[in-house]
Amino acid sequence: MPTDPAPVPTFNSPSPLKSPEDQPPTFSKRPFILFAIFLLLLIIAYLVWYFQYNPQSLETFDAQSPPATSSLPSPSPSPAFLLQGKQSYSISQGDKTAPQITKAIINPLDPKLNQQQTIQIKTSHSNPIESVTLKLTSDNDQAEINMELVEGTDLNGTWEATWEITDTVLYNYLLTITAKSGDKTGSTTIAMRSTL
């Protein structure tokens, strides 16, 4: 038995429009978003171009920022770079009959003005080493100090000295180590910075 089709509900709506000209305008977000992105990229490109080809415009920003303060003026030209803190140097000498200076430990290697610095020197020789002296050549001065044996023996030991740095070592910073044993003298110079 055939069934009657279900009735289609009807709404009280106006009759459908027949042509596209008769339809109300609709707003699409996609073209607006694309236009906004294009405009943003255009502004960024202009700013990059402006600051790249007009460097004096950056000076106005620098003029408005407060100047950087420094307690000490920077030396000119810049001193050679030094490692910071405690550093050690292995040393080899050509004259094997003289007292051998085999190692230097400098703490700190990068001393500041009026700072204490401790230096240890390792020495060895077949005869007793009578003295080890240390000479610092700095920017404007020279200082010399006798070192004391603090470890080992006078045949194979570690000598040490502590002093206060009383001159800058920005351009000239040389340590000359001299070890004496009878009529034999071993000497070496470590030049961290030198314009001499």
N, C-alpha and C. Protein backbone atom coordinates (compact mmCIF):
# COMPACT_ATOMS: atom_id res chain seq x y z
N MET A 1 0.82 -1.15 0.00
CA MET A 1 0.00 0.00 0.00
C MET A 1 0.88 1.23 0.00
N PRO A 2 0.60 2.11 -0.89
CA PRO A 2 1.44 3.30 -0.97
C PRO A 2 1.15 4.23 0.19
N THR A 3 2.23 4.82 0.64
CA THR A 3 2.11 5.76 1.77
C THR A 3 2.17 7.16 1.24
N ASP A 4 1.51 7.99 1.93
CA ASP A 4 1.53 9.40 1.53
C ASP A 4 2.84 10.03 2.01
N PRO A 5 3.41 10.82 1.19
CA PRO A 5 4.64 11.47 1.65
C PRO A 5 4.33 12.38 2.82
N ALA A 6 5.35 12.48 3.69
CA ALA A 6 5.18 13.31 4.89
C ALA A 6 5.05 14.76 4.46
N PRO A 7 4.22 15.47 5.14
CA PRO A 7 4.06 16.88 4.75
C PRO A 7 5.35 17.67 5.04
N VAL A 8 5.69 18.54 4.19
CA VAL A 8 6.88 19.38 4.34
C VAL A 8 6.46 20.60 5.11
N PRO A 9 7.18 20.86 6.21
CA PRO A 9 6.79 22.04 7.00
C PRO A 9 7.08 23.31 6.21
N THR A 10 6.32 24.24 6.39
CA THR A 10 6.51 25.52 5.71
C THR A 10 6.72 26.59 6.76
N PHE A 11 7.50 27.52 6.42
CA PHE A 11 7.80 28.64 7.33
C PHE A 11 7.28 29.89 6.67
N ASN A 12 7.01 30.80 7.47
CA ASN A 12 6.55 32.08 6.92
C ASN A 12 7.79 32.88 6.54
N SER A 13 8.34 32.56 5.42
CA SER A 13 9.52 33.27 4.95
C SER A 13 9.20 33.85 3.61
N PRO A 14 9.93 34.92 3.30
CA PRO A 14 9.66 35.51 1.99
C PRO A 14 10.05 34.55 0.89
N SER A 15 9.56 34.75 -0.20
CA SER A 15 9.86 33.86 -1.32
C SER A 15 11.32 34.03 -1.71
N PRO A 16 11.94 32.94 -2.15
CA PRO A 16 13.36 33.03 -2.52
C PRO A 16 13.56 34.03 -3.63
N LEU A 17 14.78 34.68 -3.56
CA LEU A 17 15.13 35.68 -4.56
C LEU A 17 15.54 34.96 -5.84
N LYS A 18 15.23 35.54 -6.88
CA LYS A 18 15.45 34.88 -8.14
C LYS A 18 16.84 35.13 -8.73
N SER A 19 17.46 36.29 -8.56
CA SER A 19 18.74 36.58 -9.21
C SER A 19 19.76 37.03 -8.15
N PRO A 20 21.08 36.92 -8.46
CA PRO A 20 22.10 37.33 -7.49
C PRO A 20 22.04 38.81 -7.18
N GLU A 21 21.57 39.62 -8.08
CA GLU A 21 21.48 41.05 -7.81
C GLU A 21 20.45 41.32 -6.72
N ASP A 22 19.47 40.42 -6.59
CA ASP A 22 18.42 40.62 -5.62
C ASP A 22 18.83 40.15 -4.22
N GLN A 23 19.97 39.43 -4.07
CA GLN A 23 20.38 38.91 -2.77
C GLN A 23 21.05 40.01 -1.95
N PRO A 24 20.91 39.96 -0.64
CA PRO A 24 21.54 41.00 0.20
C PRO A 24 23.06 40.79 0.21
N PRO A 25 23.85 41.85 0.39
CA PRO A 25 25.30 41.71 0.39
C PRO A 25 25.76 40.93 1.62
N THR A 26 26.77 40.08 1.43
CA THR A 26 27.33 39.31 2.55
C THR A 26 28.76 39.80 2.79
N PHE A 27 29.24 39.74 4.04
CA PHE A 27 30.58 40.19 4.42
C PHE A 27 31.46 38.96 4.60
N SER A 28 32.55 38.87 3.83
CA SER A 28 33.47 37.76 3.94
C SER A 28 34.71 38.24 4.68
N LYS A 29 35.17 37.50 5.69
CA LYS A 29 36.31 37.90 6.51
C LYS A 29 37.64 37.60 5.83
N ARG A 30 37.67 36.66 4.96
CA ARG A 30 38.94 36.24 4.36
C ARG A 30 39.66 37.36 3.62
N PRO A 31 39.03 38.09 2.72
CA PRO A 31 39.76 39.18 2.05
C PRO A 31 40.22 40.24 3.05
N PHE A 32 39.45 40.51 4.08
CA PHE A 32 39.85 41.51 5.07
C PHE A 32 41.11 41.07 5.82
N ILE A 33 41.21 39.80 6.20
CA ILE A 33 42.38 39.28 6.91
C ILE A 33 43.61 39.33 6.00
N LEU A 34 43.44 38.94 4.74
CA LEU A 34 44.56 39.00 3.80
C LEU A 34 45.04 40.43 3.61
N PHE A 35 44.12 41.37 3.54
CA PHE A 35 44.49 42.78 3.39
C PHE A 35 45.24 43.27 4.62
N ALA A 36 44.81 42.88 5.81
CA ALA A 36 45.47 43.29 7.05
C ALA A 36 46.89 42.73 7.11
N ILE A 37 47.09 41.49 6.74
CA ILE A 37 48.43 40.88 6.73
C ILE A 37 49.32 41.60 5.72
N PHE A 38 48.79 41.88 4.54
CA PHE A 38 49.55 42.59 3.52
C PHE A 38 49.97 43.97 4.03
N LEU A 39 49.07 44.67 4.67
CA LEU A 39 49.36 46.00 5.20
C LEU A 39 50.43 45.94 6.29
N LEU A 40 50.36 44.96 7.18
CA LEU A 40 51.34 44.79 8.23
C LEU A 40 52.72 44.51 7.65
N LEU A 41 52.81 43.62 6.65
CA LEU A 41 54.09 43.34 6.01
C LEU A 41 54.65 44.57 5.30
N LEU A 42 53.79 45.35 4.71
CA LEU A 42 54.22 46.57 4.05
C LEU A 42 54.81 47.56 5.05
N ILE A 43 54.20 47.70 6.21
CA ILE A 43 54.71 48.60 7.26
C ILE A 43 56.06 48.10 7.77
N ILE A 44 56.20 46.81 8.01
CA ILE A 44 57.47 46.25 8.48
C ILE A 44 58.57 46.48 7.45
N ALA A 45 58.27 46.24 6.18
CA ALA A 45 59.26 46.45 5.12
C ALA A 45 59.69 47.91 5.06
N TYR A 46 58.76 48.82 5.22
CA TYR A 46 59.09 50.24 5.20
C TYR A 46 60.01 50.61 6.38
N LEU A 47 59.72 50.10 7.56
CA LEU A 47 60.54 50.41 8.73
C LEU A 47 61.96 49.86 8.57
N VAL A 48 62.07 48.66 8.05
CA VAL A 48 63.40 48.08 7.82
C VAL A 48 64.17 48.95 6.83
N TRP A 49 63.52 49.31 5.74
CA TRP A 49 64.17 50.17 4.75
C TRP A 49 64.55 51.51 5.36
N TYR A 50 63.68 52.12 6.11
CA TYR A 50 63.91 53.45 6.68
C TYR A 50 65.13 53.44 7.60
N PHE A 51 65.23 52.47 8.50
CA PHE A 51 66.35 52.46 9.44
C PHE A 51 67.64 51.96 8.79
N GLN A 52 67.53 51.20 7.73
CA GLN A 52 68.74 50.73 7.04
C GLN A 52 69.37 51.84 6.22
N TYR A 53 68.59 52.63 5.54
CA TYR A 53 69.12 53.66 4.67
C TYR A 53 69.13 55.05 5.31
N ASN A 54 68.66 55.18 6.52
CA ASN A 54 68.71 56.44 7.25
C ASN A 54 69.29 56.19 8.64
N PRO A 55 70.59 55.87 8.74
CA PRO A 55 71.16 55.54 10.04
C PRO A 55 71.11 56.70 11.02
N GLN A 56 71.07 57.95 10.53
CA GLN A 56 71.00 59.07 11.45
C GLN A 56 69.69 59.07 12.24
N SER A 57 68.68 58.38 11.74
CA SER A 57 67.42 58.30 12.49
C SER A 57 67.60 57.50 13.76
N LEU A 58 68.54 56.55 13.76
CA LEU A 58 68.81 55.79 14.98
C LEU A 58 69.50 56.65 16.01
N GLU A 59 70.22 57.69 15.58
CA GLU A 59 70.90 58.56 16.53
C GLU A 59 69.89 59.29 17.42
N THR A 60 68.73 59.56 16.90
CA THR A 60 67.74 60.22 17.73
C THR A 60 67.31 59.32 18.88
N PHE A 61 67.26 58.01 18.63
CA PHE A 61 66.93 57.08 19.71
C PHE A 61 68.06 57.04 20.72
N ASP A 62 69.32 57.04 20.24
CA ASP A 62 70.47 57.03 21.15
C ASP A 62 70.52 58.30 21.97
N ALA A 63 70.16 59.44 21.35
CA ALA A 63 70.21 60.70 22.06
C ALA A 63 69.19 60.73 23.19
N GLN A 64 68.10 60.00 23.04
CA GLN A 64 67.07 60.00 24.07
C GLN A 64 67.39 59.05 25.21
N SER A 65 68.20 58.01 24.95
CA SER A 65 68.52 57.06 26.00
C SER A 65 69.62 57.64 26.88
N PRO A 66 69.61 57.30 28.18
CA PRO A 66 70.63 57.85 29.07
C PRO A 66 72.00 57.26 28.73
N PRO A 67 73.06 58.04 28.90
CA PRO A 67 74.39 57.53 28.59
C PRO A 67 74.80 56.46 29.59
N ALA A 68 75.58 55.50 29.11
CA ALA A 68 76.09 54.45 29.98
C ALA A 68 77.14 55.05 30.90
N THR A 69 77.09 54.68 32.17
CA THR A 69 78.06 55.21 33.11
C THR A 69 79.12 54.17 33.38
N SER A 70 80.31 54.65 33.57
CA SER A 70 81.44 53.76 33.84
C SER A 70 82.30 54.44 34.89
N SER A 71 82.74 53.66 35.86
CA SER A 71 83.53 54.24 36.91
C SER A 71 84.97 54.48 36.46
N LEU A 72 85.46 53.69 35.52
CA LEU A 72 86.81 53.84 35.02
C LEU A 72 86.79 54.03 33.52
N PRO A 73 87.65 54.90 33.01
CA PRO A 73 87.70 55.03 31.55
C PRO A 73 88.32 53.78 30.94
N SER A 74 87.89 53.47 29.74
CA SER A 74 88.44 52.31 29.03
C SER A 74 89.78 52.69 28.43
N PRO A 75 90.79 51.82 28.60
CA PRO A 75 92.08 52.13 28.00
C PRO A 75 92.02 52.03 26.49
N SER A 76 92.85 52.83 25.84
CA SER A 76 92.89 52.81 24.39
C SER A 76 94.34 52.79 23.96
N PRO A 77 94.78 51.89 23.13
CA PRO A 77 94.03 50.78 22.55
C PRO A 77 93.72 49.72 23.60
N SER A 78 92.83 48.82 23.26
CA SER A 78 92.43 47.78 24.20
C SER A 78 93.61 46.86 24.51
N PRO A 79 93.80 46.52 25.80
CA PRO A 79 94.88 45.60 26.17
C PRO A 79 94.63 44.20 25.63
N ALA A 80 95.69 43.42 25.52
CA ALA A 80 95.57 42.02 25.09
C ALA A 80 94.74 41.25 26.11
N PHE A 81 93.97 40.30 25.64
CA PHE A 81 93.09 39.50 26.50
C PHE A 81 93.92 38.60 27.41
N LEU A 82 93.49 38.48 28.67
CA LEU A 82 94.10 37.55 29.62
C LEU A 82 93.01 36.66 30.20
N LEU A 83 93.35 35.40 30.42
CA LEU A 83 92.43 34.52 31.12
C LEU A 83 92.28 35.02 32.54
N GLN A 84 91.15 34.74 33.15
CA GLN A 84 90.89 35.22 34.50
C GLN A 84 91.26 34.15 35.52
N GLY A 85 91.57 34.60 36.73
CA GLY A 85 91.80 33.69 37.84
C GLY A 85 93.16 33.03 37.80
N LYS A 86 93.23 31.89 38.46
CA LYS A 86 94.49 31.14 38.63
C LYS A 86 94.82 30.39 37.34
N GLN A 87 96.07 30.59 36.86
CA GLN A 87 96.52 29.93 35.63
C GLN A 87 97.92 29.37 35.85
N SER A 88 98.25 28.30 35.13
CA SER A 88 99.59 27.71 35.27
C SER A 88 100.25 27.61 33.91
N TYR A 89 101.58 27.70 33.94
CA TYR A 89 102.40 27.62 32.72
C TYR A 89 103.47 26.56 32.93
N SER A 90 103.60 25.66 31.98
CA SER A 90 104.72 24.71 31.97
C SER A 90 105.87 25.37 31.23
N ILE A 91 107.08 25.21 31.77
CA ILE A 91 108.24 25.93 31.23
C ILE A 91 109.33 24.92 30.90
N SER A 92 109.99 25.14 29.77
CA SER A 92 111.13 24.32 29.37
C SER A 92 112.27 25.26 29.03
N GLN A 93 113.47 24.93 29.51
CA GLN A 93 114.63 25.78 29.27
C GLN A 93 115.66 25.03 28.44
N GLY A 94 116.46 25.78 27.70
CA GLY A 94 117.46 25.18 26.84
C GLY A 94 118.69 24.68 27.59
N ASP A 95 119.19 25.45 28.56
CA ASP A 95 120.41 25.09 29.30
C ASP A 95 120.04 24.12 30.42
N LYS A 96 120.35 22.85 30.22
CA LYS A 96 119.97 21.82 31.21
C LYS A 96 120.96 21.75 32.38
N THR A 97 122.10 22.49 32.31
CA THR A 97 123.05 22.48 33.43
C THR A 97 122.66 23.51 34.48
N ALA A 98 121.82 24.48 34.14
CA ALA A 98 121.38 25.52 35.07
C ALA A 98 120.16 25.02 35.84
N PRO A 99 119.84 25.68 36.97
CA PRO A 99 118.60 25.33 37.68
C PRO A 99 117.41 25.42 36.73
N GLN A 100 116.55 24.41 36.80
CA GLN A 100 115.40 24.35 35.90
C GLN A 100 114.16 24.94 36.56
N ILE A 101 113.53 25.84 35.85
CA ILE A 101 112.24 26.40 36.26
C ILE A 101 111.23 25.66 35.41
N THR A 102 110.40 24.81 36.05
CA THR A 102 109.54 23.90 35.27
C THR A 102 108.08 24.31 35.21
N LYS A 103 107.65 25.11 36.19
CA LYS A 103 106.22 25.46 36.19
C LYS A 103 106.03 26.77 36.94
N ALA A 104 105.08 27.58 36.46
CA ALA A 104 104.68 28.81 37.14
C ALA A 104 103.17 28.78 37.32
N ILE A 105 102.72 29.07 38.54
CA ILE A 105 101.29 29.16 38.84
C ILE A 105 101.03 30.59 39.30
N ILE A 106 100.21 31.30 38.57
CA ILE A 106 99.95 32.72 38.82
C ILE A 106 98.50 32.89 39.22
N ASN A 107 98.28 33.48 40.41
CA ASN A 107 96.91 33.60 40.93
C ASN A 107 96.69 34.98 41.54
N PRO A 108 95.89 35.83 40.89
CA PRO A 108 95.24 35.65 39.59
C PRO A 108 96.17 36.10 38.47
N LEU A 109 95.91 35.59 37.29
CA LEU A 109 96.70 35.98 36.13
C LEU A 109 96.35 37.40 35.70
N ASP A 110 95.13 37.81 35.95
CA ASP A 110 94.62 39.11 35.51
C ASP A 110 94.46 40.07 36.69
N PRO A 111 95.54 40.47 37.37
CA PRO A 111 95.38 41.27 38.58
C PRO A 111 94.92 42.69 38.27
N LYS A 112 94.20 43.24 39.21
CA LYS A 112 93.78 44.63 39.12
C LYS A 112 94.72 45.47 39.99
N LEU A 113 94.70 46.75 39.82
CA LEU A 113 95.53 47.65 40.59
C LEU A 113 95.22 47.50 42.07
N ASN A 114 96.24 47.42 42.90
CA ASN A 114 96.15 47.28 44.36
C ASN A 114 95.59 45.93 44.79
N GLN A 115 95.66 44.93 43.97
CA GLN A 115 95.20 43.59 44.30
C GLN A 115 96.40 42.71 44.63
N GLN A 116 96.21 41.76 45.56
CA GLN A 116 97.26 40.80 45.90
C GLN A 116 97.37 39.74 44.81
N GLN A 117 98.59 39.34 44.52
CA GLN A 117 98.84 38.29 43.54
C GLN A 117 99.85 37.32 44.15
N THR A 118 99.55 36.02 44.02
CA THR A 118 100.44 34.98 44.53
C THR A 118 101.01 34.22 43.35
N ILE A 119 102.32 34.00 43.39
CA ILE A 119 103.00 33.28 42.31
C ILE A 119 103.79 32.14 42.92
N GLN A 120 103.62 30.95 42.36
CA GLN A 120 104.38 29.77 42.76
C GLN A 120 105.24 29.33 41.59
N ILE A 121 106.49 28.98 41.89
CA ILE A 121 107.43 28.53 40.88
C ILE A 121 107.97 27.18 41.30
N LYS A 122 107.91 26.20 40.41
CA LYS A 122 108.48 24.88 40.67
C LYS A 122 109.86 24.82 40.02
N THR A 123 110.84 24.37 40.81
CA THR A 123 112.22 24.32 40.33
C THR A 123 112.83 22.96 40.62
N SER A 124 113.90 22.66 39.89
CA SER A 124 114.69 21.45 40.17
C SER A 124 116.11 21.67 39.69
N HIS A 125 117.06 21.00 40.39
CA HIS A 125 118.48 21.08 39.99
C HIS A 125 119.23 20.00 40.73
N SER A 126 120.38 19.62 40.19
CA SER A 126 121.19 18.58 40.83
C SER A 126 121.90 19.10 42.08
N ASN A 127 122.11 20.40 42.19
CA ASN A 127 122.69 21.05 43.37
C ASN A 127 121.62 21.90 44.04
N PRO A 128 121.75 22.19 45.33
CA PRO A 128 120.74 23.00 46.02
C PRO A 128 120.56 24.37 45.37
N ILE A 129 119.30 24.75 45.22
CA ILE A 129 118.97 26.08 44.70
C ILE A 129 118.97 27.03 45.89
N GLU A 130 119.78 28.07 45.80
CA GLU A 130 119.96 29.00 46.92
C GLU A 130 118.88 30.08 46.96
N SER A 131 118.45 30.55 45.80
CA SER A 131 117.45 31.63 45.78
C SER A 131 116.67 31.61 44.47
N VAL A 132 115.45 32.08 44.59
CA VAL A 132 114.60 32.29 43.41
C VAL A 132 114.06 33.71 43.56
N THR A 133 114.25 34.53 42.55
CA THR A 133 113.72 35.89 42.57
C THR A 133 112.72 36.06 41.43
N LEU A 134 111.84 37.00 41.65
CA LEU A 134 110.78 37.27 40.69
C LEU A 134 110.77 38.76 40.43
N LYS A 135 110.78 39.14 39.16
CA LYS A 135 110.73 40.55 38.78
C LYS A 135 109.51 40.78 37.91
N LEU A 136 108.71 41.76 38.30
CA LEU A 136 107.53 42.15 37.52
C LEU A 136 107.85 43.44 36.78
N THR A 137 107.67 43.41 35.47
CA THR A 137 107.76 44.62 34.66
C THR A 137 106.34 44.98 34.27
N SER A 138 105.89 46.15 34.75
CA SER A 138 104.51 46.58 34.49
C SER A 138 104.53 47.80 33.57
N ASP A 139 103.41 48.47 33.43
CA ASP A 139 103.32 49.58 32.48
C ASP A 139 104.32 50.69 32.78
N ASN A 140 104.48 51.05 34.05
CA ASN A 140 105.31 52.20 34.40
C ASN A 140 106.38 51.90 35.45
N ASP A 141 106.56 50.65 35.81
CA ASP A 141 107.41 50.35 36.95
C ASP A 141 108.00 48.95 36.82
N GLN A 142 108.95 48.65 37.73
CA GLN A 142 109.49 47.31 37.90
C GLN A 142 109.55 47.03 39.39
N ALA A 143 109.22 45.81 39.76
CA ALA A 143 109.30 45.40 41.17
C ALA A 143 109.98 44.05 41.22
N GLU A 144 110.78 43.82 42.27
CA GLU A 144 111.48 42.55 42.43
C GLU A 144 111.24 42.04 43.84
N ILE A 145 111.09 40.73 43.96
CA ILE A 145 110.83 40.11 45.26
C ILE A 145 111.56 38.77 45.33
N ASN A 146 112.07 38.45 46.53
CA ASN A 146 112.67 37.14 46.77
C ASN A 146 111.57 36.17 47.14
N MET A 147 111.62 34.98 46.58
CA MET A 147 110.61 33.96 46.84
C MET A 147 111.08 33.05 47.97
N GLU A 148 110.12 32.42 48.63
CA GLU A 148 110.42 31.51 49.72
C GLU A 148 110.09 30.08 49.31
N LEU A 149 110.92 29.13 49.77
CA LEU A 149 110.65 27.71 49.52
C LEU A 149 109.51 27.28 50.44
N VAL A 150 108.39 26.83 49.85
CA VAL A 150 107.21 26.49 50.66
C VAL A 150 106.87 25.00 50.59
N GLU A 151 107.48 24.29 49.67
CA GLU A 151 107.16 22.86 49.54
C GLU A 151 108.34 22.15 48.88
N GLY A 152 108.63 20.93 49.31
CA GLY A 152 109.71 20.14 48.72
C GLY A 152 111.05 20.55 49.31
N THR A 153 112.10 20.35 48.52
CA THR A 153 113.47 20.65 48.97
C THR A 153 114.09 21.67 48.04
N ASP A 154 115.31 22.10 48.40
CA ASP A 154 116.00 23.05 47.54
C ASP A 154 116.55 22.39 46.27
N LEU A 155 116.43 21.08 46.17
CA LEU A 155 116.78 20.37 44.93
C LEU A 155 115.58 20.23 43.99
N ASN A 156 114.42 20.11 44.58
CA ASN A 156 113.19 19.93 43.79
C ASN A 156 112.03 20.46 44.64
N GLY A 157 111.65 21.72 44.43
CA GLY A 157 110.66 22.31 45.33
C GLY A 157 109.82 23.38 44.67
N THR A 158 108.92 23.91 45.48
CA THR A 158 108.02 24.98 45.05
C THR A 158 108.34 26.23 45.86
N TRP A 159 108.56 27.31 45.17
CA TRP A 159 108.86 28.61 45.76
C TRP A 159 107.65 29.51 45.56
N GLU A 160 107.42 30.39 46.53
CA GLU A 160 106.20 31.21 46.48
C GLU A 160 106.49 32.63 46.93
N ALA A 161 105.72 33.57 46.35
CA ALA A 161 105.76 34.98 46.75
C ALA A 161 104.38 35.57 46.54
N THR A 162 104.01 36.48 47.44
CA THR A 162 102.76 37.23 47.31
C THR A 162 103.12 38.70 47.36
N TRP A 163 102.56 39.44 46.45
CA TRP A 163 102.80 40.88 46.43
C TRP A 163 101.55 41.61 46.00
N GLU A 164 101.59 42.92 46.21
CA GLU A 164 100.46 43.76 45.80
C GLU A 164 100.82 44.43 44.49
N ILE A 165 99.91 44.38 43.55
CA ILE A 165 100.11 45.02 42.25
C ILE A 165 99.90 46.52 42.44
N THR A 166 100.99 47.30 42.31
CA THR A 166 100.92 48.74 42.56
C THR A 166 100.95 49.57 41.28
N ASP A 167 100.97 48.91 40.14
CA ASP A 167 100.97 49.60 38.86
C ASP A 167 100.09 48.81 37.90
N THR A 168 99.59 49.47 36.88
CA THR A 168 98.75 48.78 35.90
C THR A 168 99.59 47.83 35.05
N VAL A 169 98.93 46.79 34.56
CA VAL A 169 99.57 45.81 33.68
C VAL A 169 98.74 45.67 32.40
N LEU A 170 98.34 46.81 31.86
CA LEU A 170 97.48 46.81 30.67
C LEU A 170 98.25 46.53 29.39
N TYR A 171 99.50 47.02 29.31
CA TYR A 171 100.27 46.90 28.07
C TYR A 171 101.60 46.17 28.27
N ASN A 172 102.18 46.32 29.44
CA ASN A 172 103.42 45.60 29.77
C ASN A 172 103.16 44.79 31.03
N TYR A 173 103.33 43.48 30.91
CA TYR A 173 103.09 42.57 32.02
C TYR A 173 104.01 41.38 31.81
N LEU A 174 105.23 41.49 32.37
CA LEU A 174 106.25 40.46 32.18
C LEU A 174 106.74 40.00 33.55
N LEU A 175 106.86 38.70 33.72
CA LEU A 175 107.43 38.12 34.93
C LEU A 175 108.74 37.44 34.56
N THR A 176 109.82 37.88 35.19
CA THR A 176 111.13 37.27 34.97
C THR A 176 111.49 36.49 36.23
N ILE A 177 111.72 35.20 36.07
CA ILE A 177 112.03 34.31 37.19
C ILE A 177 113.49 33.92 37.07
N THR A 178 114.23 34.06 38.16
CA THR A 178 115.65 33.72 38.17
C THR A 178 115.93 32.79 39.34
N ALA A 179 116.52 31.63 39.07
CA ALA A 179 116.91 30.66 40.10
C ALA A 179 118.42 30.53 40.10
N LYS A 180 119.05 30.61 41.31
CA LYS A 180 120.51 30.54 41.41
C LYS A 180 120.91 29.33 42.24
N SER A 181 121.94 28.66 41.74
CA SER A 181 122.53 27.51 42.43
C SER A 181 124.04 27.57 42.20
N GLY A 182 124.80 28.00 43.23
CA GLY A 182 126.25 28.16 43.07
C GLY A 182 126.55 29.17 41.98
N ASP A 183 127.33 28.76 40.99
CA ASP A 183 127.67 29.66 39.90
C ASP A 183 126.74 29.51 38.69
N LYS A 184 125.69 28.70 38.84
CA LYS A 184 124.73 28.49 37.76
C LYS A 184 123.46 29.31 38.00
N THR A 185 122.93 29.89 36.94
CA THR A 185 121.71 30.70 37.02
C THR A 185 120.76 30.27 35.90
N GLY A 186 119.54 29.94 36.29
CA GLY A 186 118.49 29.65 35.31
C GLY A 186 117.50 30.80 35.32
N SER A 187 117.10 31.24 34.17
CA SER A 187 116.20 32.39 34.10
C SER A 187 115.23 32.22 32.94
N THR A 188 114.02 32.70 33.14
CA THR A 188 113.02 32.69 32.07
C THR A 188 112.08 33.86 32.28
N THR A 189 111.49 34.32 31.20
CA THR A 189 110.53 35.43 31.26
C THR A 189 109.21 34.97 30.66
N ILE A 190 108.15 35.23 31.40
CA ILE A 190 106.80 34.97 30.90
C ILE A 190 106.21 36.33 30.54
N ALA A 191 105.90 36.53 29.28
CA ALA A 191 105.36 37.81 28.81
C ALA A 191 103.88 37.66 28.52
N MET A 192 103.04 38.10 29.46
CA MET A 192 101.60 38.06 29.23
C MET A 192 101.17 39.19 28.29
N ARG A 193 101.78 40.37 28.48
CA ARG A 193 101.56 41.53 27.61
C ARG A 193 102.89 42.26 27.48
N SER A 194 103.19 42.72 26.27
CA SER A 194 104.46 43.42 26.11
C SER A 194 104.41 44.35 24.91
N THR A 195 104.85 45.57 25.14
CA THR A 195 105.07 46.51 24.05
C THR A 195 106.54 46.88 23.98
N LEU A 196 107.36 46.18 24.76
CA LEU A 196 108.81 46.46 24.80
C LEU A 196 109.53 45.87 23.62
